[in-house]
Amino acid sequence: MSAPSPHSTHEIVIAATLWLMHRYQQTGCKKLARMVEQHLRWMQVGASSPVLSNACQRLSFEWRAVSCAAQPVLPQPTLH
C-alpha cells in the first residue's frame, strides 16, 4: 500500500470551498456564506498559478448561482 500523496494548498482550499458551498446549500447558514467568501478572496489574492486562478473564477460563478438560489424570492403583490 502506498502512502497518500500530499495535497497542495490550492487543492485543499478548492476542496474546502466546495464543501462549504455544499453545506451552505443544505443549511443557508450566513456564517458558511462568509467563510465561502473568505476562501474566494484568499484564492483571488493568492492566485499565482493558472490552476488556482481558473478555479477561483469557476467557484466564484458557482457561488453566485448558489447564493442567489438560496435567497428567498418574495412573491410580487397582486393588484386587483
N, C-alpha and C. Protein backbone atom coordinates (compact mmCIF):
# COMPACT_ATOMS: atom_id res chain seq x y z
N MET A 1 0.84 -1.16 0.00
CA MET A 1 0.00 0.00 0.00
C MET A 1 0.90 1.23 0.00
N SER A 2 0.60 2.18 -0.89
CA SER A 2 1.41 3.39 -0.97
C SER A 2 0.87 4.46 -0.04
N ALA A 3 1.77 5.35 0.35
CA ALA A 3 1.39 6.45 1.24
C ALA A 3 0.55 7.46 0.46
N PRO A 4 -0.40 8.11 1.11
CA PRO A 4 -1.20 9.11 0.41
C PRO A 4 -0.32 10.27 -0.05
N SER A 5 -0.62 10.78 -1.23
CA SER A 5 0.19 11.89 -1.74
C SER A 5 -0.20 13.18 -1.03
N PRO A 6 0.77 14.03 -0.77
CA PRO A 6 0.45 15.29 -0.10
C PRO A 6 -0.32 16.20 -1.05
N HIS A 7 -1.26 16.93 -0.51
CA HIS A 7 -2.04 17.86 -1.32
C HIS A 7 -1.41 19.24 -1.25
N SER A 8 -1.52 19.95 -2.34
CA SER A 8 -1.02 21.32 -2.34
C SER A 8 -2.06 22.22 -1.67
N THR A 9 -1.63 23.38 -1.27
CA THR A 9 -2.50 24.31 -0.57
C THR A 9 -3.70 24.68 -1.42
N HIS A 10 -3.48 24.93 -2.72
CA HIS A 10 -4.62 25.34 -3.53
C HIS A 10 -5.64 24.22 -3.69
N GLU A 11 -5.22 22.97 -3.72
CA GLU A 11 -6.17 21.86 -3.79
C GLU A 11 -7.01 21.78 -2.52
N ILE A 12 -6.38 22.02 -1.40
CA ILE A 12 -7.08 21.99 -0.12
C ILE A 12 -8.10 23.12 -0.04
N VAL A 13 -7.71 24.31 -0.46
CA VAL A 13 -8.61 25.46 -0.41
C VAL A 13 -9.78 25.27 -1.37
N ILE A 14 -9.53 24.72 -2.55
CA ILE A 14 -10.60 24.46 -3.51
C ILE A 14 -11.58 23.45 -2.92
N ALA A 15 -11.06 22.37 -2.37
CA ALA A 15 -11.93 21.34 -1.78
C ALA A 15 -12.72 21.90 -0.61
N ALA A 16 -12.09 22.71 0.23
CA ALA A 16 -12.78 23.31 1.37
C ALA A 16 -13.88 24.26 0.90
N THR A 17 -13.60 25.03 -0.12
CA THR A 17 -14.60 25.97 -0.64
C THR A 17 -15.80 25.22 -1.20
N LEU A 18 -15.54 24.15 -1.95
CA LEU A 18 -16.63 23.34 -2.49
C LEU A 18 -17.47 22.74 -1.37
N TRP A 19 -16.80 22.26 -0.32
CA TRP A 19 -17.52 21.67 0.80
C TRP A 19 -18.39 22.73 1.49
N LEU A 20 -17.83 23.92 1.71
CA LEU A 20 -18.58 24.99 2.35
C LEU A 20 -19.79 25.40 1.50
N MET A 21 -19.61 25.45 0.19
CA MET A 21 -20.72 25.79 -0.70
C MET A 21 -21.82 24.74 -0.61
N HIS A 22 -21.43 23.49 -0.58
CA HIS A 22 -22.40 22.40 -0.46
C HIS A 22 -23.16 22.50 0.86
N ARG A 23 -22.44 22.72 1.96
CA ARG A 23 -23.10 22.85 3.26
C ARG A 23 -24.02 24.07 3.30
N TYR A 24 -23.60 25.16 2.65
CA TYR A 24 -24.44 26.35 2.60
C TYR A 24 -25.75 26.04 1.87
N GLN A 25 -25.66 25.28 0.78
CA GLN A 25 -26.87 24.89 0.05
C GLN A 25 -27.81 24.11 0.95
N GLN A 26 -27.25 23.29 1.82
CA GLN A 26 -28.08 22.47 2.71
C GLN A 26 -28.67 23.27 3.86
N THR A 27 -27.93 24.25 4.37
CA THR A 27 -28.33 24.92 5.60
C THR A 27 -28.75 26.37 5.44
N GLY A 28 -28.18 27.08 4.45
CA GLY A 28 -28.45 28.51 4.31
C GLY A 28 -27.80 29.35 5.40
N CYS A 29 -26.82 28.80 6.10
CA CYS A 29 -26.16 29.46 7.23
C CYS A 29 -25.31 30.65 6.74
N LYS A 30 -25.55 31.81 7.33
CA LYS A 30 -24.81 33.01 6.94
C LYS A 30 -23.32 32.91 7.29
N LYS A 31 -22.99 32.21 8.35
CA LYS A 31 -21.58 32.04 8.72
C LYS A 31 -20.84 31.25 7.63
N LEU A 32 -21.49 30.24 7.09
CA LEU A 32 -20.88 29.49 5.99
C LEU A 32 -20.70 30.37 4.76
N ALA A 33 -21.67 31.23 4.50
CA ALA A 33 -21.58 32.15 3.37
C ALA A 33 -20.36 33.05 3.52
N ARG A 34 -20.14 33.57 4.72
CA ARG A 34 -18.96 34.41 4.96
C ARG A 34 -17.67 33.62 4.76
N MET A 35 -17.67 32.37 5.18
CA MET A 35 -16.47 31.54 5.02
C MET A 35 -16.18 31.27 3.54
N VAL A 36 -17.22 31.03 2.76
CA VAL A 36 -17.03 30.82 1.32
C VAL A 36 -16.43 32.08 0.71
N GLU A 37 -16.98 33.23 1.08
CA GLU A 37 -16.47 34.49 0.53
C GLU A 37 -15.03 34.74 0.96
N GLN A 38 -14.66 34.36 2.18
CA GLN A 38 -13.27 34.48 2.63
C GLN A 38 -12.35 33.59 1.80
N HIS A 39 -12.79 32.36 1.55
CA HIS A 39 -11.98 31.44 0.74
C HIS A 39 -11.80 32.00 -0.67
N LEU A 40 -12.87 32.53 -1.25
CA LEU A 40 -12.76 33.07 -2.61
C LEU A 40 -11.84 34.29 -2.65
N ARG A 41 -11.91 35.15 -1.63
CA ARG A 41 -10.99 36.30 -1.58
C ARG A 41 -9.55 35.83 -1.44
N TRP A 42 -9.32 34.82 -0.58
CA TRP A 42 -7.97 34.30 -0.39
C TRP A 42 -7.45 33.73 -1.71
N MET A 43 -8.30 33.01 -2.41
CA MET A 43 -7.89 32.42 -3.68
C MET A 43 -7.57 33.50 -4.70
N GLN A 44 -8.38 34.56 -4.73
CA GLN A 44 -8.17 35.65 -5.67
C GLN A 44 -6.84 36.35 -5.41
N VAL A 45 -6.55 36.61 -4.15
CA VAL A 45 -5.31 37.29 -3.78
C VAL A 45 -4.10 36.40 -4.04
N GLY A 46 -4.24 35.10 -3.74
CA GLY A 46 -3.10 34.19 -3.86
C GLY A 46 -3.04 33.42 -5.16
N ALA A 47 -3.77 33.88 -6.18
CA ALA A 47 -3.83 33.14 -7.44
C ALA A 47 -2.56 33.34 -8.25
N SER A 48 -1.48 32.71 -7.80
CA SER A 48 -0.21 32.81 -8.51
C SER A 48 -0.10 31.77 -9.62
N SER A 49 -0.93 30.74 -9.56
CA SER A 49 -0.88 29.71 -10.59
C SER A 49 -2.14 29.78 -11.45
N PRO A 50 -2.03 29.38 -12.71
CA PRO A 50 -3.22 29.36 -13.58
C PRO A 50 -4.31 28.42 -13.06
N VAL A 51 -3.92 27.34 -12.42
CA VAL A 51 -4.90 26.39 -11.87
C VAL A 51 -5.74 27.06 -10.81
N LEU A 52 -5.10 27.77 -9.90
CA LEU A 52 -5.82 28.45 -8.83
C LEU A 52 -6.67 29.60 -9.38
N SER A 53 -6.15 30.32 -10.34
CA SER A 53 -6.89 31.43 -10.94
C SER A 53 -8.15 30.92 -11.64
N ASN A 54 -8.03 29.85 -12.41
CA ASN A 54 -9.19 29.27 -13.10
C ASN A 54 -10.20 28.72 -12.10
N ALA A 55 -9.72 28.06 -11.07
CA ALA A 55 -10.61 27.51 -10.04
C ALA A 55 -11.35 28.63 -9.33
N CYS A 56 -10.67 29.72 -9.06
CA CYS A 56 -11.29 30.86 -8.38
C CYS A 56 -12.42 31.43 -9.24
N GLN A 57 -12.18 31.58 -10.54
CA GLN A 57 -13.21 32.10 -11.43
C GLN A 57 -14.41 31.16 -11.47
N ARG A 58 -14.15 29.87 -11.62
CA ARG A 58 -15.23 28.89 -11.70
C ARG A 58 -16.03 28.86 -10.40
N LEU A 59 -15.33 28.85 -9.27
CA LEU A 59 -16.01 28.82 -7.98
C LEU A 59 -16.78 30.10 -7.71
N SER A 60 -16.27 31.22 -8.17
CA SER A 60 -16.99 32.49 -7.99
C SER A 60 -18.31 32.47 -8.75
N PHE A 61 -18.30 31.94 -9.98
CA PHE A 61 -19.55 31.81 -10.75
C PHE A 61 -20.51 30.86 -10.04
N GLU A 62 -19.99 29.74 -9.58
CA GLU A 62 -20.83 28.78 -8.88
C GLU A 62 -21.40 29.40 -7.60
N TRP A 63 -20.58 30.15 -6.88
CA TRP A 63 -21.02 30.75 -5.63
C TRP A 63 -22.15 31.75 -5.89
N ARG A 64 -22.02 32.55 -6.95
CA ARG A 64 -23.10 33.50 -7.26
C ARG A 64 -24.40 32.76 -7.51
N ALA A 65 -24.33 31.66 -8.24
CA ALA A 65 -25.54 30.88 -8.53
C ALA A 65 -26.11 30.27 -7.25
N VAL A 66 -25.23 29.72 -6.41
CA VAL A 66 -25.68 29.08 -5.17
C VAL A 66 -26.25 30.11 -4.20
N SER A 67 -25.55 31.21 -4.03
CA SER A 67 -26.00 32.20 -3.04
C SER A 67 -27.28 32.89 -3.49
N CYS A 68 -27.45 33.11 -4.79
CA CYS A 68 -28.69 33.72 -5.28
C CYS A 68 -29.86 32.75 -5.18
N ALA A 69 -29.59 31.48 -5.44
CA ALA A 69 -30.65 30.47 -5.38
C ALA A 69 -31.13 30.27 -3.95
N ALA A 70 -30.27 30.52 -2.98
CA ALA A 70 -30.63 30.30 -1.58
C ALA A 70 -31.45 31.44 -1.00
N GLN A 71 -31.44 32.59 -1.66
CA GLN A 71 -32.20 33.71 -1.15
C GLN A 71 -33.68 33.50 -1.46
N PRO A 72 -34.53 33.71 -0.47
CA PRO A 72 -35.96 33.52 -0.72
C PRO A 72 -36.49 34.57 -1.68
N VAL A 73 -37.33 34.14 -2.57
CA VAL A 73 -37.95 35.05 -3.51
C VAL A 73 -39.31 35.44 -2.94
N LEU A 74 -39.47 36.72 -2.72
CA LEU A 74 -40.73 37.20 -2.16
C LEU A 74 -41.75 37.31 -3.29
N PRO A 75 -42.97 36.86 -3.04
CA PRO A 75 -43.99 36.96 -4.08
C PRO A 75 -44.34 38.40 -4.36
N GLN A 76 -44.59 38.69 -5.61
CA GLN A 76 -44.98 40.04 -6.01
C GLN A 76 -46.43 40.28 -5.59
N PRO A 77 -46.74 41.45 -5.09
CA PRO A 77 -48.12 41.73 -4.72
C PRO A 77 -49.00 41.73 -5.97
N THR A 78 -50.20 41.23 -5.81
CA THR A 78 -51.15 41.18 -6.91
C THR A 78 -52.06 42.40 -6.81
N LEU A 79 -52.13 43.13 -7.89
CA LEU A 79 -53.01 44.29 -7.92
C LEU A 79 -54.38 43.86 -8.41
N HIS A 80 -55.40 44.25 -7.70
CA HIS A 80 -56.78 43.90 -8.08
C HIS A 80 -57.54 45.13 -8.47
